[in-house]
PDB file of all heavy atoms in Angstrom:
ATOM      1  N   ILE A   1     -13.956 -30.494  19.394  1.00  0.00           N
ATOM      2  CA  ILE A   1     -14.290 -30.909  20.804  1.00  0.00           C
ATOM      3  C   ILE A   1     -14.432 -29.647  21.572  1.00  0.00           C
ATOM      4  O   ILE A   1     -15.285 -29.444  22.388  1.00  0.00           O
ATOM      5  CB  ILE A   1     -13.153 -31.860  21.312  1.00  0.00           C
ATOM      6  CG1 ILE A   1     -13.262 -33.189  20.604  1.00  0.00           C
ATOM      7  CG2 ILE A   1     -13.339 -32.022  22.805  1.00  0.00           C
ATOM      8  CD1 ILE A   1     -12.098 -34.076  20.934  1.00  0.00           C
ATOM      9  N   LEU A   2     -13.424 -28.709  21.377  1.00  0.00           N
ATOM     10  CA  LEU A   2     -13.502 -27.473  22.222  1.00  0.00           C
ATOM     11  C   LEU A   2     -14.679 -26.713  21.992  1.00  0.00           C
ATOM     12  O   LEU A   2     -15.398 -26.129  22.864  1.00  0.00           O
ATOM     13  CB  LEU A   2     -12.216 -26.599  21.853  1.00  0.00           C
ATOM     14  CG  LEU A   2     -12.118 -25.242  22.505  1.00  0.00           C
ATOM     15  CD1 LEU A   2     -12.167 -25.225  24.034  1.00  0.00           C
ATOM     16  CD2 LEU A   2     -10.954 -24.461  21.961  1.00  0.00           C
ATOM     17  N   LEU A   3     -15.071 -26.389  20.573  1.00  0.00           N
ATOM     18  CA  LEU A   3     -16.233 -25.606  20.317  1.00  0.00           C
ATOM     19  C   LEU A   3     -17.527 -26.280  20.777  1.00  0.00           C
ATOM     20  O   LEU A   3     -18.350 -25.551  21.289  1.00  0.00           O
ATOM     21  CB  LEU A   3     -16.225 -25.363  18.782  1.00  0.00           C
ATOM     22  CG  LEU A   3     -15.075 -24.590  18.223  1.00  0.00           C
ATOM     23  CD1 LEU A   3     -15.296 -24.405  16.707  1.00  0.00           C
ATOM     24  CD2 LEU A   3     -14.845 -23.242  18.971  1.00  0.00           C
ATOM     25  N   ASP A   4     -17.580 -27.579  20.658  1.00  0.00           N
ATOM     26  CA  ASP A   4     -18.828 -28.291  21.094  1.00  0.00           C
ATOM     27  C   ASP A   4     -18.941 -28.115  22.596  1.00  0.00           C
ATOM     28  O   ASP A   4     -20.013 -28.007  23.143  1.00  0.00           O
ATOM     29  CB  ASP A   4     -18.747 -29.794  20.758  1.00  0.00           C
ATOM     30  CG  ASP A   4     -18.984 -29.975  19.216  1.00  0.00           C
ATOM     31  OD1 ASP A   4     -19.450 -28.977  18.498  1.00  0.00           O
ATOM     32  OD2 ASP A   4     -18.665 -31.104  18.769  1.00  0.00           O
ATOM     33  N   THR A   5     -17.857 -28.275  23.327  1.00  0.00           N
ATOM     34  CA  THR A   5     -17.826 -28.102  24.786  1.00  0.00           C
ATOM     35  C   THR A   5     -18.318 -26.751  25.220  1.00  0.00           C
ATOM     36  O   THR A   5     -19.140 -26.623  26.236  1.00  0.00           O
ATOM     37  CB  THR A   5     -16.390 -28.361  25.366  1.00  0.00           C
ATOM     38  OG1 THR A   5     -15.981 -29.733  25.024  1.00  0.00           O
ATOM     39  CG2 THR A   5     -16.459 -28.281  26.905  1.00  0.00           C
ATOM     40  N   LEU A   6     -17.839 -25.756  24.522  1.00  0.00           N
ATOM     41  CA  LEU A   6     -18.265 -24.284  24.828  1.00  0.00           C
ATOM     42  C   LEU A   6     -19.577 -23.938  24.298  1.00  0.00           C
ATOM     43  O   LEU A   6     -20.083 -22.857  24.552  1.00  0.00           O
ATOM     44  CB  LEU A   6     -17.167 -23.387  24.390  1.00  0.00           C
ATOM     45  CG  LEU A   6     -15.851 -23.582  24.981  1.00  0.00           C
ATOM     46  CD1 LEU A   6     -14.796 -22.612  24.415  1.00  0.00           C
ATOM     47  CD2 LEU A   6     -15.780 -23.455  26.543  1.00  0.00           C
ATOM     48  N   GLY A   7     -20.177 -24.779  23.419  1.00  0.00           N
ATOM     49  CA  GLY A   7     -21.476 -24.374  22.762  1.00  0.00           C
ATOM     50  C   GLY A   7     -21.282 -23.318  21.721  1.00  0.00           C
ATOM     51  O   GLY A   7     -22.229 -22.546  21.486  1.00  0.00           O
ATOM     52  N   LEU A   8     -20.154 -23.373  21.085  1.00  0.00           N
ATOM     53  CA  LEU A   8     -19.856 -22.384  20.005  1.00  0.00           C
ATOM     54  C   LEU A   8     -20.086 -22.999  18.644  1.00  0.00           C
ATOM     55  O   LEU A   8     -19.851 -24.191  18.476  1.00  0.00           O
ATOM     56  CB  LEU A   8     -18.417 -21.858  20.156  1.00  0.00           C
ATOM     57  CG  LEU A   8     -18.074 -21.071  21.443  1.00  0.00           C
ATOM     58  CD1 LEU A   8     -16.561 -20.755  21.382  1.00  0.00           C
ATOM     59  CD2 LEU A   8     -18.862 -19.832  21.508  1.00  0.00           C
ATOM     60  N   LYS A   9     -20.678 -22.226  17.731  1.00  0.00           N
ATOM     61  CA  LYS A   9     -20.985 -22.732  16.392  1.00  0.00           C
ATOM     62  C   LYS A   9     -20.237 -21.941  15.321  1.00  0.00           C
ATOM     63  O   LYS A   9     -19.949 -20.684  15.585  1.00  0.00           O
ATOM     64  CB  LYS A   9     -22.463 -22.721  16.145  1.00  0.00           C
ATOM     65  CG  LYS A   9     -23.099 -21.344  16.305  1.00  0.00           C
ATOM     66  CD  LYS A   9     -24.552 -21.404  16.160  1.00  0.00           C
ATOM     67  CE  LYS A   9     -25.286 -20.021  16.325  1.00  0.00           C
ATOM     68  NZ  LYS A   9     -26.752 -20.040  16.284  1.00  0.00           N
ATOM     69  N   PRO A  10     -19.997 -22.563  14.158  1.00  0.00           N
ATOM     70  CA  PRO A  10     -19.236 -21.808  13.154  1.00  0.00           C
ATOM     71  C   PRO A  10     -20.052 -20.749  12.568  1.00  0.00           C
ATOM     72  O   PRO A  10     -21.219 -20.912  12.318  1.00  0.00           O
ATOM     73  CB  PRO A  10     -18.830 -22.899  12.053  1.00  0.00           C
ATOM     74  CG  PRO A  10     -18.962 -24.155  12.850  1.00  0.00           C
ATOM     75  CD  PRO A  10     -20.032 -23.953  13.902  1.00  0.00           C
ATOM     76  N   LYS A  11     -19.562 -19.567  12.264  1.00  0.00           N
ATOM     77  CA  LYS A  11     -20.149 -18.498  11.567  1.00  0.00           C
ATOM     78  C   LYS A  11     -20.303 -18.822  10.131  1.00  0.00           C
ATOM     79  O   LYS A  11     -19.270 -19.239   9.466  1.00  0.00           O
ATOM     80  CB  LYS A  11     -19.392 -17.235  11.906  1.00  0.00           C
ATOM     81  CG  LYS A  11     -20.138 -15.980  11.454  1.00  0.00           C
ATOM     82  CD  LYS A  11     -19.399 -14.702  11.897  1.00  0.00           C
ATOM     83  CE  LYS A  11     -20.130 -13.448  11.530  1.00  0.00           C
ATOM     84  NZ  LYS A  11     -19.378 -12.272  12.153  1.00  0.00           N
ATOM     85  N   LYS A  12     -21.373 -18.401   9.494  1.00  0.00           N
ATOM     86  CA  LYS A  12     -21.556 -18.593   8.038  1.00  0.00           C
ATOM     87  C   LYS A  12     -20.815 -17.548   7.276  1.00  0.00           C
ATOM     88  O   LYS A  12     -20.595 -16.443   7.872  1.00  0.00           O
ATOM     89  CB  LYS A  12     -23.023 -18.570   7.676  1.00  0.00           C
ATOM     90  CG  LYS A  12     -23.859 -19.717   8.282  1.00  0.00           C
ATOM     91  CD  LYS A  12     -25.299 -19.647   8.016  1.00  0.00           C
ATOM     92  CE  LYS A  12     -26.075 -20.801   8.682  1.00  0.00           C
ATOM     93  NZ  LYS A  12     -27.534 -20.691   8.287  1.00  0.00           N
ATOM     94  N   PRO A  13     -20.427 -17.851   6.073  1.00  0.00           N
ATOM     95  CA  PRO A  13     -19.694 -16.748   5.284  1.00  0.00           C
ATOM     96  C   PRO A  13     -20.620 -15.587   4.856  1.00  0.00           C
ATOM     97  O   PRO A  13     -21.834 -15.706   4.839  1.00  0.00           O
ATOM     98  CB  PRO A  13     -19.197 -17.556   4.004  1.00  0.00           C
ATOM     99  CG  PRO A  13     -20.284 -18.662   3.929  1.00  0.00           C
ATOM    100  CD  PRO A  13     -20.682 -19.053   5.367  1.00  0.00           C
ATOM    101  N   PHE A  14     -19.990 -14.461   4.654  1.00  0.00           N
ATOM    102  CA  PHE A  14     -20.634 -13.261   4.215  1.00  0.00           C
ATOM    103  C   PHE A  14     -21.790 -12.682   5.066  1.00  0.00           C
ATOM    104  O   PHE A  14     -22.725 -12.016   4.717  1.00  0.00           O
ATOM    105  CB  PHE A  14     -21.217 -13.535   2.748  1.00  0.00           C
ATOM    106  CG  PHE A  14     -20.307 -14.118   1.921  1.00  0.00           C
ATOM    107  CD1 PHE A  14     -20.590 -15.400   1.323  1.00  0.00           C
ATOM    108  CD2 PHE A  14     -19.099 -13.524   1.447  1.00  0.00           C
ATOM    109  CE1 PHE A  14     -19.599 -16.001   0.471  1.00  0.00           C
ATOM    110  CE2 PHE A  14     -18.180 -14.111   0.654  1.00  0.00           C
ATOM    111  CZ  PHE A  14     -18.455 -15.352   0.113  1.00  0.00           C
ATOM    112  N   GLU A  15     -21.627 -12.958   6.401  1.00  0.00           N
ATOM    113  CA  GLU A  15     -22.620 -12.410   7.259  1.00  0.00           C
ATOM    114  C   GLU A  15     -22.398 -10.906   7.651  1.00  0.00           C
ATOM    115  O   GLU A  15     -23.292 -10.127   7.880  1.00  0.00           O
ATOM    116  CB  GLU A  15     -22.611 -13.170   8.666  1.00  0.00           C
ATOM    117  CG  GLU A  15     -23.395 -14.486   8.545  1.00  0.00           C
ATOM    118  CD  GLU A  15     -23.689 -15.110   9.914  1.00  0.00           C
ATOM    119  OE1 GLU A  15     -23.354 -14.482  10.950  1.00  0.00           O
ATOM    120  OE2 GLU A  15     -24.291 -16.207  10.009  1.00  0.00           O
ATOM    121  N   ASP A  16     -21.061 -10.526   7.530  1.00  0.00           N
ATOM    122  CA  ASP A  16     -20.674  -9.187   7.909  1.00  0.00           C
ATOM    123  C   ASP A  16     -20.653  -8.276   6.667  1.00  0.00           C
ATOM    124  O   ASP A  16     -20.873  -7.073   6.707  1.00  0.00           O
ATOM    125  CB  ASP A  16     -19.365  -9.075   8.551  1.00  0.00           C
ATOM    126  CG  ASP A  16     -19.419  -9.843   9.847  1.00  0.00           C
ATOM    127  OD1 ASP A  16     -20.462  -9.771  10.536  1.00  0.00           O
ATOM    128  OD2 ASP A  16     -18.396 -10.446  10.371  1.00  0.00           O
ATOM    129  N   HIS A  17     -20.199  -8.833   5.514  1.00  0.00           N
ATOM    130  CA  HIS A  17     -20.085  -8.083   4.275  1.00  0.00           C
ATOM    131  C   HIS A  17     -20.533  -9.011   3.126  1.00  0.00           C
ATOM    132  O   HIS A  17     -20.299 -10.256   3.153  1.00  0.00           O
ATOM    133  CB  HIS A  17     -18.683  -7.597   4.096  1.00  0.00           C
ATOM    134  CG  HIS A  17     -18.108  -6.731   5.114  1.00  0.00           C
ATOM    135  ND1 HIS A  17     -18.290  -5.413   5.068  1.00  0.00           N
ATOM    136  CD2 HIS A  17     -17.392  -7.027   6.170  1.00  0.00           C
ATOM    137  CE1 HIS A  17     -17.750  -4.901   6.167  1.00  0.00           C
ATOM    138  NE2 HIS A  17     -17.221  -5.822   6.904  1.00  0.00           N
ATOM    139  N   LYS A  18     -21.145  -8.395   2.131  1.00  0.00           N
ATOM    140  CA  LYS A  18     -21.665  -9.227   1.030  1.00  0.00           C
ATOM    141  C   LYS A  18     -20.630  -9.832   0.207  1.00  0.00           C
ATOM    142  O   LYS A  18     -19.435  -9.414   0.272  1.00  0.00           O
ATOM    143  CB  LYS A  18     -22.639  -8.286   0.161  1.00  0.00           C
ATOM    144  CG  LYS A  18     -21.782  -7.241  -0.678  1.00  0.00           C
ATOM    145  CD  LYS A  18     -22.804  -6.483  -1.558  1.00  0.00           C
ATOM    146  CE  LYS A  18     -22.039  -5.460  -2.363  1.00  0.00           C
ATOM    147  NZ  LYS A  18     -22.919  -4.671  -3.307  1.00  0.00           N
ATOM    148  N   LYS A  19     -20.947 -10.898  -0.442  1.00  0.00           N
ATOM    149  CA  LYS A  19     -19.964 -11.582  -1.320  1.00  0.00           C
ATOM    150  C   LYS A  19     -19.517 -10.663  -2.348  1.00  0.00           C
ATOM    151  O   LYS A  19     -20.284 -10.058  -3.119  1.00  0.00           O
ATOM    152  CB  LYS A  19     -20.704 -12.916  -1.859  1.00  0.00           C
ATOM    153  CG  LYS A  19     -19.810 -13.639  -2.747  1.00  0.00           C
ATOM    154  CD  LYS A  19     -20.595 -14.813  -3.471  1.00  0.00           C
ATOM    155  CE  LYS A  19     -19.749 -15.516  -4.443  1.00  0.00           C
ATOM    156  NZ  LYS A  19     -20.534 -16.677  -5.094  1.00  0.00           N
ATOM    157  N   PRO A  20     -18.154 -10.680  -2.565  1.00  0.00           N
ATOM    158  CA  PRO A  20     -17.695  -9.782  -3.678  1.00  0.00           C
ATOM    159  C   PRO A  20     -18.022 -10.407  -5.001  1.00  0.00           C
ATOM    160  O   PRO A  20     -18.009 -11.612  -5.230  1.00  0.00           O
ATOM    161  CB  PRO A  20     -16.131  -9.863  -3.491  1.00  0.00           C
ATOM    162  CG  PRO A  20     -15.921 -10.372  -2.076  1.00  0.00           C
ATOM    163  CD  PRO A  20     -17.108 -11.252  -1.760  1.00  0.00           C
ATOM    164  N   GLU A  21     -18.372  -9.458  -5.955  1.00  0.00           N
ATOM    165  CA  GLU A  21     -18.719  -9.906  -7.327  1.00  0.00           C
ATOM    166  C   GLU A  21     -17.493 -10.028  -8.048  1.00  0.00           C
ATOM    167  O   GLU A  21     -16.532  -9.193  -8.008  1.00  0.00           O
ATOM    168  CB  GLU A  21     -19.652  -8.928  -7.995  1.00  0.00           C
ATOM    169  CG  GLU A  21     -21.036  -8.882  -7.320  1.00  0.00           C
ATOM    170  CD  GLU A  21     -21.915  -7.868  -8.034  1.00  0.00           C
ATOM    171  OE1 GLU A  21     -21.602  -7.433  -9.156  1.00  0.00           O
ATOM    172  OE2 GLU A  21     -23.067  -7.666  -7.526  1.00  0.00           O
ATOM    173  N   VAL A  22     -17.361 -10.997  -8.993  1.00  0.00           N
ATOM    174  CA  VAL A  22     -16.286 -11.156  -9.945  1.00  0.00           C
ATOM    175  C   VAL A  22     -16.666 -10.340 -11.158  1.00  0.00           C
ATOM    176  O   VAL A  22     -17.824 -10.548 -11.719  1.00  0.00           O
ATOM    177  CB  VAL A  22     -15.981 -12.618 -10.247  1.00  0.00           C
ATOM    178  CG1 VAL A  22     -14.840 -12.781 -11.359  1.00  0.00           C
ATOM    179  CG2 VAL A  22     -15.644 -13.420  -8.963  1.00  0.00           C
ATOM    180  N   TYR A  23     -15.688  -9.538 -11.602  1.00  0.00           N
ATOM    181  CA  TYR A  23     -15.962  -8.700 -12.834  1.00  0.00           C
ATOM    182  C   TYR A  23     -14.771  -8.510 -13.659  1.00  0.00           C
ATOM    183  O   TYR A  23     -13.611  -8.643 -13.205  1.00  0.00           O
ATOM    184  CB  TYR A  23     -16.509  -7.334 -12.391  1.00  0.00           C
ATOM    185  CG  TYR A  23     -15.653  -6.496 -11.442  1.00  0.00           C
ATOM    186  CD1 TYR A  23     -14.711  -5.660 -11.964  1.00  0.00           C
ATOM    187  CD2 TYR A  23     -15.783  -6.649 -10.049  1.00  0.00           C
ATOM    188  CE1 TYR A  23     -13.925  -4.897 -11.020  1.00  0.00           C
ATOM    189  CE2 TYR A  23     -14.924  -5.933  -9.177  1.00  0.00           C
ATOM    190  CZ  TYR A  23     -14.013  -5.086  -9.720  1.00  0.00           C
ATOM    191  OH  TYR A  23     -13.202  -4.411  -8.931  1.00  0.00           O
ATOM    192  N   ASP A  24     -15.004  -8.248 -14.987  1.00  0.00           N
ATOM    193  CA  ASP A  24     -13.856  -7.990 -15.828  1.00  0.00           C
ATOM    194  C   ASP A  24     -13.271  -6.612 -15.649  1.00  0.00           C
ATOM    195  O   ASP A  24     -14.001  -5.638 -15.570  1.00  0.00           O
ATOM    196  CB  ASP A  24     -14.308  -8.128 -17.298  1.00  0.00           C
ATOM    197  CG  ASP A  24     -14.712  -9.600 -17.657  1.00  0.00           C
ATOM    198  OD1 ASP A  24     -14.089 -10.485 -17.107  1.00  0.00           O
ATOM    199  OD2 ASP A  24     -15.699  -9.737 -18.445  1.00  0.00           O
ATOM    200  N   LEU A  25     -11.982  -6.590 -15.425  1.00  0.00           N
ATOM    201  CA  LEU A  25     -11.363  -5.292 -15.211  1.00  0.00           C
ATOM    202  C   LEU A  25     -10.590  -4.907 -16.436  1.00  0.00           C
ATOM    203  O   LEU A  25      -9.753  -5.688 -17.101  1.00  0.00           O
ATOM    204  CB  LEU A  25     -10.384  -5.396 -14.086  1.00  0.00           C
ATOM    205  CG  LEU A  25      -9.595  -4.190 -13.576  1.00  0.00           C
ATOM    206  CD1 LEU A  25     -10.553  -3.190 -12.966  1.00  0.00           C
ATOM    207  CD2 LEU A  25      -8.494  -4.540 -12.553  1.00  0.00           C
TER     208      LEU A  25
END
């Protein structure tokens, strides 16, 4: 309700940094 009232929308994942890769260590 709060976010809709303010016109704010959820940010999508990995917009600031790429998705970490899973790898064998």
